[in-house]
Amino acid sequence: MHIYEGVCILSAWQAIPLGGLAIHRRIESELTQLATVRGSTDSEYPVSDLTDPIRESVLEDIKVRTCFVTSHERAQKLQVWGFARANNANVIPDPPPPPPEVKYPLDGDKILTIPGTLREYAAEALFELDGDMKSIVTLLLDSILKAPMDSRKVLAQNIVVMGGSSMMPGFKHRLQEELKSLVKDPVYARKMNMNTFKFHSPPCKENYTAWLGASIYGSTDAVSTHCITKDQFIANNRHIPDWSDQAWQALSSKTP
């Protein structure tokens, strides 16, 4: 959501169903295909042979403790490799040399071997283009293009990234790389005359930045101008207008 001069630019709002769960599904899929487990008898077998699926909390812990966002250059090779595998290509190129594998304790009596390629490839779920040719990078550029022309440069140089997945090592650096690369694409180059993107460092961890912002806003007098009482809600046919609508101004000016 863009905010310019204290006003939300609702027409530039964009969304895409990508986030932590997309990474979890990628980890789950790659574990099933690539990872192995060593049991109490020292026998090693594929993850696909486990009787119970790996819990969501474990997938999240694997993401937080072992995964990272790789560089743009290595990502190109990883994505070609992943696309070829997904489409059962006749020739599957080798991925780049992987980082070290990680031994992860599982259920107290088993050791899960997490391949280095998985650690590096999991976060690519956020940067790969989907069927509509969208990713979190195109989402950001498209939303800037929907904003008024005279506000685009300011918005591009005042980006706030939040959410738990953005805390993955290398995320912001990769996002910066992808933006600078994609803005040179003819689709965007002829519309955006800029190549500088700047990110704010929030005063707290990214996983609760949104909560902190809402908490600060909720403690100000501005809340009273953007809320209605129960009586006003009933009087307005149980409808809450958008705050940017003129109907809101008429409603909020009424006394309870």
Protein backbone atom coordinates (compact mmCIF):
# COMPACT_ATOMS: atom_id res chain seq x y z
CA MET A 1 0.00 0.00 0.00
CA HIS A 2 1.41 3.38 -1.04
CA ILE A 3 1.21 6.36 1.31
CA TYR A 4 2.12 9.74 -0.16
CA GLU A 5 1.95 12.96 1.83
CA GLY A 6 -0.02 11.11 4.50
CA VAL A 7 -2.65 9.84 2.04
CA CYS A 8 -3.15 6.21 0.98
CA ILE A 9 -3.12 5.75 -2.80
CA LEU A 10 -5.82 3.09 -2.95
CA SER A 11 -5.80 2.83 -6.74
CA ALA A 12 -2.19 1.61 -6.62
CA TRP A 13 -2.89 -1.23 -4.19
CA GLN A 14 -1.58 -4.60 -5.38
CA ALA A 15 -1.57 -8.09 -3.86
CA ILE A 16 -0.30 -11.54 -4.73
CA PRO A 17 -0.75 -14.85 -2.84
CA LEU A 18 2.93 -15.25 -1.98
CA GLY A 19 4.47 -15.36 1.46
CA GLY A 20 5.78 -17.67 4.13
CA LEU A 21 3.39 -20.49 3.24
CA ALA A 22 4.65 -20.53 -0.35
CA ILE A 23 8.16 -21.11 1.00
CA HIS A 24 6.86 -23.83 3.33
CA ARG A 25 5.26 -25.66 0.42
CA ARG A 26 8.50 -25.43 -1.55
CA ILE A 27 10.47 -26.80 1.42
CA GLU A 28 7.98 -29.63 1.84
CA SER A 29 8.16 -30.55 -1.84
CA GLU A 30 11.96 -30.44 -1.98
CA LEU A 31 12.32 -32.45 1.22
CA THR A 32 10.13 -35.16 -0.27
CA GLN A 33 12.22 -35.28 -3.44
CA LEU A 34 15.75 -34.72 -2.17
CA ALA A 35 16.12 -35.16 1.59
CA THR A 36 16.89 -38.23 3.65
CA VAL A 37 16.33 -39.23 7.28
CA ARG A 38 18.59 -41.29 9.53
CA GLY A 39 16.72 -43.26 12.17
CA SER A 40 17.74 -44.66 15.54
CA THR A 41 19.15 -47.78 13.86
CA ASP A 42 21.45 -45.62 11.67
CA SER A 43 19.50 -46.68 8.60
CA GLU A 44 18.98 -43.89 6.07
CA TYR A 45 15.81 -43.58 4.01
CA PRO A 46 13.97 -40.93 1.93
CA VAL A 47 11.68 -38.40 3.61
CA SER A 48 8.87 -39.73 1.42
CA ASP A 49 8.99 -42.95 3.49
CA LEU A 50 8.00 -41.17 6.72
CA THR A 51 4.64 -42.36 8.03
CA ASP A 52 3.59 -38.88 9.20
CA PRO A 53 3.95 -35.66 7.20
CA ILE A 54 6.37 -33.04 8.49
CA ARG A 55 4.49 -30.57 10.67
CA GLU A 56 3.97 -26.97 9.58
CA SER A 57 5.85 -25.71 12.64
CA VAL A 58 8.86 -27.82 11.62
CA LEU A 59 8.75 -26.47 8.06
CA GLU A 60 8.74 -22.94 9.44
CA ASP A 61 11.65 -23.73 11.75
CA ILE A 62 13.63 -25.17 8.84
CA LYS A 63 12.96 -21.98 6.90
CA VAL A 64 14.06 -19.73 9.75
CA ARG A 65 17.11 -21.73 10.81
CA THR A 66 18.55 -23.07 7.56
CA CYS A 67 17.24 -21.24 4.47
CA PHE A 68 18.44 -18.02 2.88
CA VAL A 69 17.87 -15.89 -0.21
CA THR A 70 20.59 -16.32 -2.79
CA SER A 71 22.04 -13.81 -5.25
CA HIS A 72 20.40 -12.85 -8.52
CA GLU A 73 23.11 -14.57 -10.57
CA ARG A 74 22.85 -17.93 -8.80
CA ALA A 75 19.06 -17.66 -8.74
CA GLN A 76 18.90 -17.61 -12.53
CA LYS A 77 20.61 -21.00 -12.68
CA LEU A 78 18.50 -22.40 -9.86
CA GLN A 79 15.27 -21.32 -11.54
CA VAL A 80 16.28 -22.90 -14.86
CA TRP A 81 17.11 -26.11 -12.99
CA GLY A 82 13.84 -26.04 -11.04
CA PHE A 83 11.75 -25.31 -14.14
CA ALA A 84 13.33 -28.19 -16.05
CA ARG A 85 12.64 -30.59 -13.16
CA ALA A 86 9.04 -29.44 -12.77
CA ASN A 87 8.36 -29.96 -16.47
CA ASN A 88 10.20 -33.29 -16.75
CA ALA A 89 12.56 -31.93 -19.39
CA ASN A 90 14.70 -34.41 -21.32
CA VAL A 91 17.82 -32.53 -20.30
CA ILE A 92 18.00 -31.09 -16.78
CA PRO A 93 20.92 -28.70 -16.23
CA ASP A 94 22.96 -28.98 -13.07
CA PRO A 95 22.25 -26.42 -10.35
CA PRO A 96 25.12 -24.23 -9.15
CA PRO A 97 27.47 -25.79 -6.57
CA PRO A 98 25.31 -26.06 -3.44
CA PRO A 99 26.05 -24.64 0.01
CA PRO A 100 26.69 -27.14 2.84
CA GLU A 101 23.90 -29.46 3.88
CA VAL A 102 22.46 -29.21 7.40
CA LYS A 103 21.64 -31.94 9.90
CA TYR A 104 18.30 -31.19 11.55
CA PRO A 105 16.93 -33.16 14.55
CA LEU A 106 13.48 -34.53 13.83
CA ASP A 107 11.05 -35.87 16.45
CA GLY A 108 13.84 -36.58 18.94
CA ASP A 109 15.04 -39.86 17.46
CA LYS A 110 15.73 -39.01 13.82
CA ILE A 111 18.16 -36.76 11.94
CA LEU A 112 16.94 -35.02 8.79
CA THR A 113 19.59 -34.15 6.21
CA ILE A 114 18.61 -30.89 4.51
CA PRO A 115 20.37 -30.56 1.12
CA GLY A 116 22.23 -27.33 0.46
CA THR A 117 20.30 -26.82 -2.78
CA LEU A 118 17.02 -26.83 -0.85
CA ARG A 119 18.33 -24.21 1.59
CA GLU A 120 19.07 -21.90 -1.32
CA TYR A 121 16.14 -22.76 -3.59
CA ALA A 122 13.22 -22.52 -1.13
CA ALA A 123 12.94 -18.72 -1.18
CA GLU A 124 12.85 -18.65 -4.99
CA ALA A 125 9.11 -19.27 -4.65
CA LEU A 126 8.82 -15.52 -3.96
CA PHE A 127 10.84 -14.37 -6.96
CA GLU A 128 9.76 -16.77 -9.71
CA LEU A 129 7.16 -15.56 -12.19
CA ASP A 130 3.79 -17.30 -11.87
CA GLY A 131 1.33 -18.13 -14.63
CA ASP A 132 0.33 -14.47 -14.85
CA MET A 133 3.99 -13.40 -15.05
CA LYS A 134 3.81 -11.94 -11.55
CA SER A 135 6.21 -12.04 -8.61
CA ILE A 136 6.83 -9.87 -5.57
CA VAL A 137 9.21 -7.80 -7.71
CA THR A 138 6.76 -7.15 -10.56
CA LEU A 139 4.13 -6.47 -7.90
CA LEU A 140 6.22 -3.65 -6.46
CA LEU A 141 6.99 -2.08 -9.84
CA ASP A 142 3.40 -2.40 -11.06
CA SER A 143 2.09 -0.70 -7.95
CA ILE A 144 4.53 2.19 -8.39
CA LEU A 145 3.36 2.58 -11.99
CA LYS A 146 -0.24 2.82 -10.81
CA ALA A 147 0.64 5.77 -8.57
CA PRO A 148 0.58 9.37 -9.90
CA MET A 149 3.65 10.11 -12.01
CA ASP A 150 4.99 12.88 -9.77
CA SER A 151 4.96 10.57 -6.72
CA ARG A 152 6.73 7.56 -8.22
CA LYS A 153 10.31 8.62 -7.53
CA VAL A 154 9.53 9.46 -3.91
CA LEU A 155 7.73 6.15 -3.41
CA ALA A 156 10.58 4.15 -4.98
CA GLN A 157 13.04 5.74 -2.57
CA ASN A 158 10.92 5.17 0.55
CA ILE A 159 10.13 1.45 0.62
CA VAL A 160 9.32 -0.32 3.88
CA VAL A 161 9.64 -4.10 3.83
CA MET A 162 7.89 -6.02 6.59
CA GLY A 163 6.80 -9.54 7.45
CA GLY A 164 8.62 -12.52 8.90
CA SER A 165 9.83 -13.92 5.57
CA SER A 166 11.60 -10.64 4.77
CA MET A 167 13.94 -11.41 7.69
CA MET A 168 15.54 -14.27 5.74
CA PRO A 169 19.25 -13.58 5.18
CA GLY A 170 19.83 -11.91 1.82
CA PHE A 171 16.18 -10.95 1.19
CA LYS A 172 16.55 -7.17 0.93
CA HIS A 173 19.76 -7.37 -1.06
CA ARG A 174 18.11 -9.75 -3.53
CA LEU A 175 15.02 -7.56 -3.79
CA GLN A 176 17.26 -4.59 -4.60
CA GLU A 177 19.07 -6.64 -7.26
CA GLU A 178 15.83 -7.83 -8.84
CA LEU A 179 14.34 -4.34 -8.95
CA LYS A 180 17.40 -2.86 -10.64
CA SER A 181 17.44 -5.72 -13.14
CA LEU A 182 13.74 -5.71 -13.95
CA VAL A 183 13.50 -1.94 -14.33
CA LYS A 184 15.80 -2.29 -17.37
CA ASP A 185 13.31 -4.64 -19.03
CA PRO A 186 11.58 -2.95 -22.02
CA VAL A 187 8.19 -3.45 -20.35
CA TYR A 188 9.21 -1.14 -17.50
CA ALA A 189 12.08 0.86 -19.00
CA ARG A 190 9.80 2.89 -21.24
CA LYS A 191 7.45 3.70 -18.36
CA MET A 192 9.83 4.23 -15.44
CA ASN A 193 12.66 6.72 -15.70
CA MET A 194 14.39 5.63 -12.50
CA ASN A 195 16.91 3.11 -11.28
CA THR A 196 17.21 3.98 -7.59
CA PHE A 197 15.30 2.11 -4.92
CA LYS A 198 15.84 2.80 -1.23
CA PHE A 199 14.61 0.90 1.81
CA HIS A 200 13.83 2.20 5.27
CA SER A 201 15.15 0.33 8.30
CA PRO A 202 12.17 -0.05 10.66
CA PRO A 203 12.72 0.63 14.38
CA CYS A 204 11.90 -3.00 15.21
CA LYS A 205 12.04 -6.48 13.74
CA GLU A 206 10.20 -6.86 10.45
CA ASN A 207 7.88 -9.57 11.77
CA TYR A 208 6.05 -7.09 14.03
CA THR A 209 6.62 -3.80 12.20
CA ALA A 210 2.97 -3.70 11.05
CA TRP A 211 1.77 -4.22 14.63
CA LEU A 212 4.02 -1.44 15.93
CA GLY A 213 2.79 0.98 13.25
CA ALA A 214 -0.84 0.20 14.01
CA SER A 215 -0.17 0.57 17.74
CA ILE A 216 1.41 4.00 17.29
CA TYR A 217 -1.39 5.13 14.98
CA GLY A 218 -4.01 3.83 17.40
CA SER A 219 -2.62 6.00 20.18
CA THR A 220 -3.05 9.25 18.21
CA ASP A 221 -6.02 11.58 17.84
CA ALA A 222 -6.29 10.61 14.16
CA VAL A 223 -8.25 7.51 15.13
CA SER A 224 -11.26 9.56 16.20
CA THR A 225 -11.59 11.01 12.68
CA HIS A 226 -11.52 7.56 11.07
CA CYS A 227 -13.95 5.66 13.25
CA ILE A 228 -17.69 5.60 13.87
CA THR A 229 -19.82 4.73 16.87
CA LYS A 230 -22.34 1.90 17.02
CA ASP A 231 -25.20 4.42 16.70
CA GLN A 232 -23.62 5.94 13.57
CA PHE A 233 -23.13 2.46 12.12
CA ILE A 234 -26.82 1.62 12.62
CA ALA A 235 -27.94 5.02 11.31
CA ASN A 236 -25.89 4.43 8.16
CA ASN A 237 -27.77 1.20 7.35
CA ARG A 238 -25.02 -0.89 8.90
CA HIS A 239 -22.55 0.19 6.26
CA ILE A 240 -19.02 1.47 6.80
CA PRO A 241 -17.90 3.69 3.91
CA ASP A 242 -14.29 3.85 2.80
CA TRP A 243 -12.45 6.59 4.68
CA SER A 244 -11.43 8.27 1.40
CA ASP A 245 -15.06 8.45 0.27
CA GLN A 246 -16.86 11.76 0.70
CA ALA A 247 -19.62 9.84 2.43
CA TRP A 248 -17.17 9.18 5.24
CA GLN A 249 -16.63 12.89 5.83
CA ALA A 250 -20.36 13.47 6.10
CA LEU A 251 -20.77 10.57 8.51
CA SER A 252 -17.79 11.33 10.73
CA SER A 253 -18.85 14.96 11.10
CA LYS A 254 -22.11 13.92 12.76
CA THR A 255 -22.20 13.88 16.53
CA PRO A 256 -23.17 10.62 18.21
